Amino acid sequence: MACEVATNQKKHFYSLDSLRGLAALAVVLHHWHIFWILTPHSRYIAFLLQLLPFRLLIAGHSSVMMFFVLSGFVLSLPQVAGKRVVYSGYLIKRVCRI
């Protein structure tokens, strides 16, 4: 595939990083939008953000769902490749990363 790069015998999908970044931006803008509509002078801006092209910028709920789908895809790659994954090792790596 053109969107994957092999580094240290691991495949990395850079396009997924871009999607994750856009989803994170949409979640941040969604929270900003919730805060913004509580101010008294925001009716015009809130109306503009509800229009279709701008609506994608504040689609926080959809972006969270996209995170779940991307995470499930990435976590399933070792199993699809036939590699045995030890859960305790995975859990330790995740805890240290967080």
PDB file of N, CA and C in Angstrom:
ATOM      1  N   MET A   1       0.827  -1.186   0.000  1.00  0.00           N
ATOM      2  CA  MET A   1       0.000   0.000   0.000  1.00  0.00           C
ATOM      3  C   MET A   1       0.869   1.245   0.000  1.00  0.00           C
ATOM      4  N   ALA A   2       0.361   2.279  -0.603  1.00  0.00           N
ATOM      5  CA  ALA A   2       1.131   3.512  -0.687  1.00  0.00           C
ATOM      6  C   ALA A   2       1.124   4.292   0.623  1.00  0.00           C
ATOM      7  N   CYS A   3       0.142   4.054   1.474  1.00  0.00           N
ATOM      8  CA  CYS A   3       0.029   4.857   2.696  1.00  0.00           C
ATOM      9  C   CYS A   3       0.721   4.227   3.890  1.00  0.00           C
ATOM     10  N   GLU A   4       1.379   3.129   3.705  1.00  0.00           N
ATOM     11  CA  GLU A   4       2.064   2.510   4.833  1.00  0.00           C
ATOM     12  C   GLU A   4       3.565   2.548   4.616  1.00  0.00           C
ATOM     13  N   VAL A   5       4.295   2.643   5.683  1.00  0.00           N
ATOM     14  CA  VAL A   5       5.748   2.686   5.637  1.00  0.00           C
ATOM     15  C   VAL A   5       6.273   1.660   6.623  1.00  0.00           C
ATOM     16  N   ALA A   6       7.201   0.839   6.173  1.00  0.00           N
ATOM     17  CA  ALA A   6       7.779  -0.170   7.056  1.00  0.00           C
ATOM     18  C   ALA A   6       8.968   0.426   7.798  1.00  0.00           C
ATOM     19  N   THR A   7       8.886   0.455   9.106  1.00  0.00           N
ATOM     20  CA  THR A   7       9.979   0.906   9.946  1.00  0.00           C
ATOM     21  C   THR A   7      10.149  -0.111  11.051  1.00  0.00           C
ATOM     22  N   ASN A   8      11.352  -0.656  11.154  1.00  0.00           N
ATOM     23  CA  ASN A   8      11.632  -1.685  12.149  1.00  0.00           C
ATOM     24  C   ASN A   8      10.654  -2.852  12.040  1.00  0.00           C
ATOM     25  N   GLN A   9      10.321  -3.219  10.818  1.00  0.00           N
ATOM     26  CA  GLN A   9       9.408  -4.302  10.503  1.00  0.00           C
ATOM     27  C   GLN A   9       8.007  -4.074  11.057  1.00  0.00           C
ATOM     28  N   LYS A  10       7.651  -2.849  11.328  1.00  0.00           N
ATOM     29  CA  LYS A  10       6.297  -2.492  11.740  1.00  0.00           C
ATOM     30  C   LYS A  10       5.711  -1.590  10.665  1.00  0.00           C
ATOM     31  N   LYS A  11       4.438  -1.787  10.392  1.00  0.00           N
ATOM     32  CA  LYS A  11       3.775  -0.933   9.413  1.00  0.00           C
ATOM     33  C   LYS A  11       3.129   0.240  10.139  1.00  0.00           C
ATOM     34  N   HIS A  12       3.309   1.402   9.571  1.00  0.00           N
ATOM     35  CA  HIS A  12       2.742   2.612  10.154  1.00  0.00           C
ATOM     36  C   HIS A  12       1.915   3.302   9.081  1.00  0.00           C
ATOM     37  N   PHE A  13       0.669   3.559   9.365  1.00  0.00           N
ATOM     38  CA  PHE A  13      -0.224   4.237   8.437  1.00  0.00           C
ATOM     39  C   PHE A  13      -0.247   5.724   8.777  1.00  0.00           C
ATOM     40  N   TYR A  14       0.468   6.514   7.997  1.00  0.00           N
ATOM     41  CA  TYR A  14       0.526   7.946   8.279  1.00  0.00           C
ATOM     42  C   TYR A  14      -0.811   8.626   8.024  1.00  0.00           C
ATOM     43  N   SER A  15      -1.600   8.084   7.112  1.00  0.00           N
ATOM     44  CA  SER A  15      -2.900   8.690   6.854  1.00  0.00           C
ATOM     45  C   SER A  15      -3.817   8.561   8.071  1.00  0.00           C
ATOM     46  N   LEU A  16      -3.630   7.496   8.867  1.00  0.00           N
ATOM     47  CA  LEU A  16      -4.429   7.355  10.086  1.00  0.00           C
ATOM     48  C   LEU A  16      -4.050   8.415  11.107  1.00  0.00           C
ATOM     49  N   ASP A  17      -2.779   8.802  11.144  1.00  0.00           N
ATOM     50  CA  ASP A  17      -2.354   9.889  12.033  1.00  0.00           C
ATOM     51  C   ASP A  17      -3.055  11.192  11.652  1.00  0.00           C
ATOM     52  N   SER A  18      -3.181  11.422  10.355  1.00  0.00           N
ATOM     53  CA  SER A  18      -3.872  12.623   9.883  1.00  0.00           C
ATOM     54  C   SER A  18      -5.330  12.599  10.294  1.00  0.00           C
ATOM     55  N   LEU A  19      -5.987  11.449  10.137  1.00  0.00           N
ATOM     56  CA  LEU A  19      -7.385  11.346  10.538  1.00  0.00           C
ATOM     57  C   LEU A  19      -7.553  11.545  12.037  1.00  0.00           C
ATOM     58  N   ARG A  20      -6.632  10.982  12.803  1.00  0.00           N
ATOM     59  CA  ARG A  20      -6.695  11.164  14.252  1.00  0.00           C
ATOM     60  C   ARG A  20      -6.513  12.634  14.619  1.00  0.00           C
ATOM     61  N   GLY A  21      -5.613  13.321  13.933  1.00  0.00           N
ATOM     62  CA  GLY A  21      -5.399  14.739  14.185  1.00  0.00           C
ATOM     63  C   GLY A  21      -6.626  15.576  13.855  1.00  0.00           C
ATOM     64  N   LEU A  22      -7.258  15.285  12.726  1.00  0.00           N
ATOM     65  CA  LEU A  22      -8.477  16.009  12.355  1.00  0.00           C
ATOM     66  C   LEU A  22      -9.612  15.716  13.339  1.00  0.00           C
ATOM     67  N   ALA A  23      -9.700  14.475  13.777  1.00  0.00           N
ATOM     68  CA  ALA A  23     -10.732  14.127  14.748  1.00  0.00           C
ATOM     69  C   ALA A  23     -10.482  14.843  16.079  1.00  0.00           C
ATOM     70  N   ALA A  24      -9.236  14.916  16.498  1.00  0.00           N
ATOM     71  CA  ALA A  24      -8.911  15.626  17.745  1.00  0.00           C
ATOM     72  C   ALA A  24      -9.250  17.108  17.621  1.00  0.00           C
ATOM     73  N   LEU A  25      -8.964  17.689  16.480  1.00  0.00           N
ATOM     74  CA  LEU A  25      -9.305  19.087  16.255  1.00  0.00           C
ATOM     75  C   LEU A  25     -10.816  19.299  16.306  1.00  0.00           C
ATOM     76  N   ALA A  26     -11.568  18.390  15.719  1.00  0.00           N
ATOM     77  CA  ALA A  26     -13.026  18.504  15.747  1.00  0.00           C
ATOM     78  C   ALA A  26     -13.565  18.400  17.173  1.00  0.00           C
ATOM     79  N   VAL A  27     -12.966  17.553  17.992  1.00  0.00           N
ATOM     80  CA  VAL A  27     -13.415  17.425  19.386  1.00  0.00           C
ATOM     81  C   VAL A  27     -13.115  18.713  20.151  1.00  0.00           C
ATOM     82  N   VAL A  28     -11.941  19.278  19.943  1.00  0.00           N
ATOM     83  CA  VAL A  28     -11.591  20.544  20.611  1.00  0.00           C
ATOM     84  C   VAL A  28     -12.539  21.656  20.173  1.00  0.00           C
ATOM     85  N   LEU A  29     -12.807  21.748  18.871  1.00  0.00           N
ATOM     86  CA  LEU A  29     -13.724  22.779  18.377  1.00  0.00           C
ATOM     87  C   LEU A  29     -15.149  22.543  18.874  1.00  0.00           C
ATOM     88  N   HIS A  30     -15.528  21.283  19.025  1.00  0.00           N
ATOM     89  CA  HIS A  30     -16.855  20.975  19.570  1.00  0.00           C
ATOM     90  C   HIS A  30     -16.978  21.499  21.002  1.00  0.00           C
ATOM     91  N   HIS A  31     -15.959  21.285  21.813  1.00  0.00           N
ATOM     92  CA  HIS A  31     -15.996  21.792  23.188  1.00  0.00           C
ATOM     93  C   HIS A  31     -15.977  23.318  23.207  1.00  0.00           C
ATOM     94  N   TRP A  32     -15.205  23.912  22.318  1.00  0.00           N
ATOM     95  CA  TRP A  32     -15.188  25.372  22.232  1.00  0.00           C
ATOM     96  C   TRP A  32     -16.566  25.891  21.829  1.00  0.00           C
ATOM     97  N   HIS A  33     -17.202  25.202  20.889  1.00  0.00           N
ATOM     98  CA  HIS A  33     -18.531  25.608  20.432  1.00  0.00           C
ATOM     99  C   HIS A  33     -19.544  25.539  21.567  1.00  0.00           C
ATOM    100  N   ILE A  34     -19.475  24.500  22.385  1.00  0.00           N
ATOM    101  CA  ILE A  34     -20.397  24.387  23.523  1.00  0.00           C
ATOM    102  C   ILE A  34     -20.183  25.554  24.487  1.00  0.00           C
ATOM    103  N   PHE A  35     -18.940  25.898  24.740  1.00  0.00           N
ATOM    104  CA  PHE A  35     -18.650  27.039  25.609  1.00  0.00           C
ATOM    105  C   PHE A  35     -19.115  28.344  24.969  1.00  0.00           C
ATOM    106  N   TRP A  36     -18.863  28.480  23.661  1.00  0.00           N
ATOM    107  CA  TRP A  36     -19.158  29.732  22.956  1.00  0.00           C
ATOM    108  C   TRP A  36     -20.648  30.024  22.920  1.00  0.00           C
ATOM    109  N   ILE A  37     -21.497  29.008  22.738  1.00  0.00           N
ATOM    110  CA  ILE A  37     -22.932  29.283  22.614  1.00  0.00           C
ATOM    111  C   ILE A  37     -23.545  29.709  23.943  1.00  0.00           C
ATOM    112  N   LEU A  38     -22.799  29.579  25.019  1.00  0.00           N
ATOM    113  CA  LEU A  38     -23.301  30.035  26.310  1.00  0.00           C
ATOM    114  C   LEU A  38     -23.129  31.538  26.500  1.00  0.00           C
ATOM    115  N   THR A  39     -22.337  32.180  25.644  1.00  0.00           N
ATOM    116  CA  THR A  39     -22.134  33.629  25.769  1.00  0.00           C
ATOM    117  C   THR A  39     -23.291  34.357  25.081  1.00  0.00           C
ATOM    118  N   PRO A  40     -23.638  35.547  25.551  1.00  0.00           N
ATOM    119  CA  PRO A  40     -24.825  36.239  25.015  1.00  0.00           C
ATOM    120  C   PRO A  40     -24.687  36.753  23.581  1.00  0.00           C
ATOM    121  N   HIS A  41     -23.489  37.009  23.096  1.00  0.00           N
ATOM    122  CA  HIS A  41     -23.314  37.622  21.781  1.00  0.00           C
ATOM    123  C   HIS A  41     -22.949  36.596  20.700  1.00  0.00           C
ATOM    124  N   SER A  42     -23.337  35.375  20.875  1.00  0.00           N
ATOM    125  CA  SER A  42     -22.836  34.347  19.978  1.00  0.00           C
ATOM    126  C   SER A  42     -23.880  33.756  19.039  1.00  0.00           C
ATOM    127  N   ARG A  43     -25.049  34.331  18.957  1.00  0.00           N
ATOM    128  CA  ARG A  43     -26.103  33.722  18.144  1.00  0.00           C
ATOM    129  C   ARG A  43     -25.730  33.641  16.672  1.00  0.00           C
ATOM    130  N   TYR A  44     -25.133  34.670  16.136  1.00  0.00           N
ATOM    131  CA  TYR A  44     -24.781  34.677  14.711  1.00  0.00           C
ATOM    132  C   TYR A  44     -23.697  33.642  14.409  1.00  0.00           C
ATOM    133  N   ILE A  45     -22.676  33.591  15.226  1.00  0.00           N
ATOM    134  CA  ILE A  45     -21.593  32.624  15.017  1.00  0.00           C
ATOM    135  C   ILE A  45     -22.104  31.205  15.224  1.00  0.00           C
ATOM    136  N   ALA A  46     -22.946  30.993  16.219  1.00  0.00           N
ATOM    137  CA  ALA A  46     -23.512  29.669  16.453  1.00  0.00           C
ATOM    138  C   ALA A  46     -24.359  29.233  15.261  1.00  0.00           C
ATOM    139  N   PHE A  47     -25.090  30.165  14.671  1.00  0.00           N
ATOM    140  CA  PHE A  47     -25.889  29.838  13.483  1.00  0.00           C
ATOM    141  C   PHE A  47     -24.993  29.461  12.312  1.00  0.00           C
ATOM    142  N   LEU A  48     -23.924  30.204  12.106  1.00  0.00           N
ATOM    143  CA  LEU A  48     -23.008  29.894  11.003  1.00  0.00           C
ATOM    144  C   LEU A  48     -22.356  28.525  11.170  1.00  0.00           C
ATOM    145  N   LEU A  49     -22.026  28.168  12.401  1.00  0.00           N
ATOM    146  CA  LEU A  49     -21.393  26.878  12.644  1.00  0.00           C
ATOM    147  C   LEU A  49     -22.343  25.710  12.442  1.00  0.00           C
ATOM    148  N   GLN A  50     -23.638  25.963  12.416  1.00  0.00           N
ATOM    149  CA  GLN A  50     -24.603  24.898  12.182  1.00  0.00           C
ATOM    150  C   GLN A  50     -24.791  24.606  10.693  1.00  0.00           C
ATOM    151  N   LEU A  51     -24.280  25.481   9.821  1.00  0.00           N
ATOM    152  CA  LEU A  51     -24.383  25.235   8.380  1.00  0.00           C
ATOM    153  C   LEU A  51     -23.496  24.061   8.005  1.00  0.00           C
ATOM    154  N   LEU A  52     -23.848  23.362   6.951  1.00  0.00           N
ATOM    155  CA  LEU A  52     -23.249  22.076   6.629  1.00  0.00           C
ATOM    156  C   LEU A  52     -21.725  22.052   6.554  1.00  0.00           C
ATOM    157  N   PRO A  53     -21.053  22.932   5.797  1.00  0.00           N
ATOM    158  CA  PRO A  53     -19.587  22.803   5.744  1.00  0.00           C
ATOM    159  C   PRO A  53     -18.924  23.028   7.100  1.00  0.00           C
ATOM    160  N   PHE A  54     -19.450  23.965   7.860  1.00  0.00           N
ATOM    161  CA  PHE A  54     -18.858  24.260   9.160  1.00  0.00           C
ATOM    162  C   PHE A  54     -19.268  23.236  10.215  1.00  0.00           C
ATOM    163  N   ARG A  55     -20.365  22.559   9.983  1.00  0.00           N
ATOM    164  CA  ARG A  55     -20.856  21.554  10.935  1.00  0.00           C
ATOM    165  C   ARG A  55     -19.828  20.444  11.132  1.00  0.00           C
ATOM    166  N   LEU A  56     -19.069  20.135  10.078  1.00  0.00           N
ATOM    167  CA  LEU A  56     -18.041  19.102  10.179  1.00  0.00           C
ATOM    168  C   LEU A  56     -16.934  19.502  11.149  1.00  0.00           C
ATOM    169  N   LEU A  57     -16.729  20.801  11.325  1.00  0.00           N
ATOM    170  CA  LEU A  57     -15.692  21.271  12.243  1.00  0.00           C
ATOM    171  C   LEU A  57     -16.051  21.039  13.701  1.00  0.00           C
ATOM    172  N   ILE A  58     -17.335  20.947  14.001  1.00  0.00           N
ATOM    173  CA  ILE A  58     -17.759  20.803  15.390  1.00  0.00           C
ATOM    174  C   ILE A  58     -18.458  19.466  15.627  1.00  0.00           C
ATOM    175  N   ALA A  59     -18.168  18.483  14.807  1.00  0.00           N
ATOM    176  CA  ALA A  59     -18.780  17.156  14.936  1.00  0.00           C
ATOM    177  C   ALA A  59     -17.991  16.332  15.945  1.00  0.00           C
ATOM    178  N   GLY A  60     -18.090  16.700  17.198  1.00  0.00           N
ATOM    179  CA  GLY A  60     -17.318  16.046  18.245  1.00  0.00           C
ATOM    180  C   GLY A  60     -17.725  14.607  18.486  1.00  0.00           C
ATOM    181  N   HIS A  61     -19.016  14.328  18.488  1.00  0.00           N
ATOM    182  CA  HIS A  61     -19.479  12.967  18.744  1.00  0.00           C
ATOM    183  C   HIS A  61     -19.031  12.019  17.638  1.00  0.00           C
ATOM    184  N   SER A  62     -19.136  12.458  16.408  1.00  0.00           N
ATOM    185  CA  SER A  62     -18.691  11.626  15.275  1.00  0.00           C
ATOM    186  C   SER A  62     -17.191  11.400  15.316  1.00  0.00           C
ATOM    187  N   SER A  63     -16.458  12.408  15.748  1.00  0.00           N
ATOM    188  CA  SER A  63     -15.003  12.273  15.828  1.00  0.00           C
ATOM    189  C   SER A  63     -14.591  11.261  16.881  1.00  0.00           C
ATOM    190  N   VAL A  64     -15.298  11.222  17.988  1.00  0.00           N
ATOM    191  CA  VAL A  64     -14.999  10.228  19.017  1.00  0.00           C
ATOM    192  C   VAL A  64     -15.266   8.828  18.482  1.00  0.00           C
ATOM    193  N   MET A  65     -16.346   8.663  17.728  1.00  0.00           N
ATOM    194  CA  MET A  65     -16.639   7.360  17.117  1.00  0.00           C
ATOM    195  C   MET A  65     -15.538   6.963  16.136  1.00  0.00           C
ATOM    196  N   MET A  66     -15.014   7.947  15.404  1.00  0.00           N
ATOM    197  CA  MET A  66     -13.928   7.652  14.476  1.00  0.00           C
ATOM    198  C   MET A  66     -12.687   7.196  15.247  1.00  0.00           C
ATOM    199  N   PHE A  67     -12.422   7.786  16.415  1.00  0.00           N
ATOM    200  CA  PHE A  67     -11.319   7.323  17.257  1.00  0.00           C
ATOM    201  C   PHE A  67     -11.491   5.854  17.627  1.00  0.00           C
ATOM    202  N   PHE A  68     -12.709   5.470  18.005  1.00  0.00           N
ATOM    203  CA  PHE A  68     -12.962   4.082  18.372  1.00  0.00           C
ATOM    204  C   PHE A  68     -12.714   3.139  17.199  1.00  0.00           C
ATOM    205  N   VAL A  69     -13.178   3.513  16.036  1.00  0.00           N
ATOM    206  CA  VAL A  69     -12.995   2.662  14.858  1.00  0.00           C
ATOM    207  C   VAL A  69     -11.516   2.551  14.499  1.00  0.00           C
ATOM    208  N   LEU A  70     -10.796   3.665  14.500  1.00  0.00           N
ATOM    209  CA  LEU A  70      -9.365   3.636  14.186  1.00  0.00           C
ATOM    210  C   LEU A  70      -8.583   2.830  15.218  1.00  0.00           C
ATOM    211  N   SER A  71      -8.940   2.976  16.482  1.00  0.00           N
ATOM    212  CA  SER A  71      -8.252   2.215  17.523  1.00  0.00           C
ATOM    213  C   SER A  71      -8.502   0.726  17.367  1.00  0.00           C
ATOM    214  N   GLY A  72      -9.730   0.353  17.058  1.00  0.00           N
ATOM    215  CA  GLY A  72     -10.034  -1.055  16.841  1.00  0.00           C
ATOM    216  C   GLY A  72      -9.277  -1.617  15.663  1.00  0.00           C
ATOM    217  N   PHE A  73      -9.152  -0.832  14.598  1.00  0.00           N
ATOM    218  CA  PHE A  73      -8.404  -1.272  13.423  1.00  0.00           C
ATOM    219  C   PHE A  73      -6.937  -1.500  13.765  1.00  0.00           C
ATOM    220  N   VAL A  74      -6.332  -0.531  14.430  1.00  0.00           N
ATOM    221  CA  VAL A  74      -4.911  -0.632  14.760  1.00  0.00           C
ATOM    222  C   VAL A  74      -4.649  -1.780  15.733  1.00  0.00           C
ATOM    223  N   LEU A  75      -5.536  -1.946  16.706  1.00  0.00           N
ATOM    224  CA  LEU A  75      -5.348  -3.018  17.684  1.00  0.00           C
ATOM    225  C   LEU A  75      -5.574  -4.406  17.082  1.00  0.00           C
ATOM    226  N   SER A  76      -6.316  -4.481  15.991  1.00  0.00           N
ATOM    227  CA  SER A  76      -6.571  -5.780  15.375  1.00  0.00           C
ATOM    228  C   SER A  76      -5.488  -6.196  14.384  1.00  0.00           C
ATOM    229  N   LEU A  77      -4.625  -5.290  13.994  1.00  0.00           N
ATOM    230  CA  LEU A  77      -3.601  -5.615  12.989  1.00  0.00           C
ATOM    231  C   LEU A  77      -2.701  -6.784  13.389  1.00  0.00           C
ATOM    232  N   PRO A  78      -2.195  -6.867  14.613  1.00  0.00           N
ATOM    233  CA  PRO A  78      -1.357  -8.024  14.955  1.00  0.00           C
ATOM    234  C   PRO A  78      -2.113  -9.359  14.865  1.00  0.00           C
ATOM    235  N   GLN A  79      -3.367  -9.369  15.271  1.00  0.00           N
ATOM    236  CA  GLN A  79      -4.129 -10.609  15.199  1.00  0.00           C
ATOM    237  C   GLN A  79      -4.395 -11.020  13.756  1.00  0.00           C
ATOM    238  N   VAL A  80      -4.657 -10.055  12.895  1.00  0.00           N
ATOM    239  CA  VAL A  80      -4.900 -10.347  11.480  1.00  0.00           C
ATOM    240  C   VAL A  80      -3.630 -10.872  10.830  1.00  0.00           C
ATOM    241  N   ALA A  81      -2.480 -10.366  11.261  1.00  0.00           N
ATOM    242  CA  ALA A  81      -1.199 -10.811  10.705  1.00  0.00           C
ATOM    243  C   ALA A  81      -0.785 -12.170  11.255  1.00  0.00           C
ATOM    244  N   GLY A  82      -1.537 -12.705  12.199  1.00  0.00           N
ATOM    245  CA  GLY A  82      -1.228 -14.017  12.753  1.00  0.00           C
ATOM    246  C   GLY A  82      -0.223 -14.007  13.880  1.00  0.00           C
ATOM    247  N   LYS A  83       0.074 -12.838  14.417  1.00  0.00           N
ATOM    248  CA  LYS A  83       1.020 -12.739  15.533  1.00  0.00           C
ATOM    249  C   LYS A  83       0.295 -12.980  16.847  1.00  0.00           C
ATOM    250  N   ARG A  84       0.959 -13.644  17.749  1.00  0.00           N
ATOM    251  CA  ARG A  84       0.387 -13.885  19.076  1.00  0.00           C
ATOM    252  C   ARG A  84       0.728 -12.689  19.960  1.00  0.00           C
ATOM    253  N   VAL A  85      -0.291 -12.103  20.547  1.00  0.00           N
ATOM    254  CA  VAL A  85      -0.111 -10.932  21.393  1.00  0.00           C
ATOM    255  C   VAL A  85      -0.362 -11.341  22.843  1.00  0.00           C
ATOM    256  N   VAL A  86       0.631 -11.089  23.685  1.00  0.00           N
ATOM    257  CA  VAL A  86       0.493 -11.381  25.113  1.00  0.00           C
ATOM    258  C   VAL A  86      -0.157 -10.175  25.771  1.00  0.00           C
ATOM    259  N   TYR A  87      -1.305 -10.401  26.404  1.00  0.00           N
ATOM    260  CA  TYR A  87      -2.085  -9.301  26.959  1.00  0.00           C
ATOM    261  C   TYR A  87      -1.353  -8.574  28.080  1.00  0.00           C
ATOM    262  N   SER A  88      -0.631  -9.303  28.920  1.00  0.00           N
ATOM    263  CA  SER A  88       0.056  -8.644  30.039  1.00  0.00           C
ATOM    264  C   SER A  88       1.135  -7.685  29.527  1.00  0.00           C
ATOM    265  N   GLY A  89       1.868  -8.072  28.503  1.00  0.00           N
ATOM    266  CA  GLY A  89       2.871  -7.179  27.917  1.00  0.00           C
ATOM    267  C   GLY A  89       2.238  -5.957  27.284  1.00  0.00           C
ATOM    268  N   TYR A  90       1.123  -6.182  26.605  1.00  0.00           N
ATOM    269  CA  TYR A  90       0.393  -5.074  25.986  1.00  0.00           C
ATOM    270  C   TYR A  90      -0.104  -4.102  27.052  1.00  0.00           C
ATOM    271  N   LEU A  91      -0.651  -4.641  28.137  1.00  0.00           N
ATOM    272  CA  LEU A  91      -1.189  -3.810  29.205  1.00  0.00           C
ATOM    273  C   LEU A  91      -0.108  -2.963  29.862  1.00  0.00           C
ATOM    274  N   ILE A  92       1.058  -3.549  30.094  1.00  0.00           N
ATOM    275  CA  ILE A  92       2.167  -2.800  30.689  1.00  0.00           C
ATOM    276  C   ILE A  92       2.612  -1.666  29.766  1.00  0.00           C
ATOM    277  N   LYS A  93       2.702  -1.937  28.467  1.00  0.00           N
ATOM    278  CA  LYS A  93       3.087  -0.893  27.504  1.00  0.00           C
ATOM    279  C   LYS A  93       2.073   0.249  27.492  1.00  0.00           C
ATOM    280  N   ARG A  94       0.782  -0.084  27.525  1.00  0.00           N
ATOM    281  CA  ARG A  94      -0.248   0.934  27.483  1.00  0.00           C
ATOM    282  C   ARG A  94      -0.233   1.799  28.749  1.00  0.00           C
ATOM    283  N   VAL A  95      -0.062   1.175  29.894  1.00  0.00           N
ATOM    284  CA  VAL A  95      -0.046   1.930  31.150  1.00  0.00           C
ATOM    285  C   VAL A  95       1.158   2.872  31.173  1.00  0.00           C
ATOM    286  N   CYS A  96       2.309   2.382  30.726  1.00  0.00           N
ATOM    287  CA  CYS A  96       3.509   3.230  30.702  1.00  0.00           C
ATOM    288  C   CYS A  96       3.346   4.373  29.689  1.00  0.00           C
ATOM    289  N   ARG A  97       2.664   4.120  28.607  1.00  0.00           N
ATOM    290  CA  ARG A  97       2.474   5.155  27.586  1.00  0.00           C
ATOM    291  C   ARG A  97       1.534   6.249  28.073  1.00  0.00           C
ATOM    292  N   ILE A  98       0.516   5.850  28.817  1.00  0.00           N
ATOM    293  CA  ILE A  98      -0.455   6.836  29.322  1.00  0.00           C
ATOM    294  C   ILE A  98       0.191   7.623  30.439  1.00  0.00           C
TER     295      ILE A  98
END
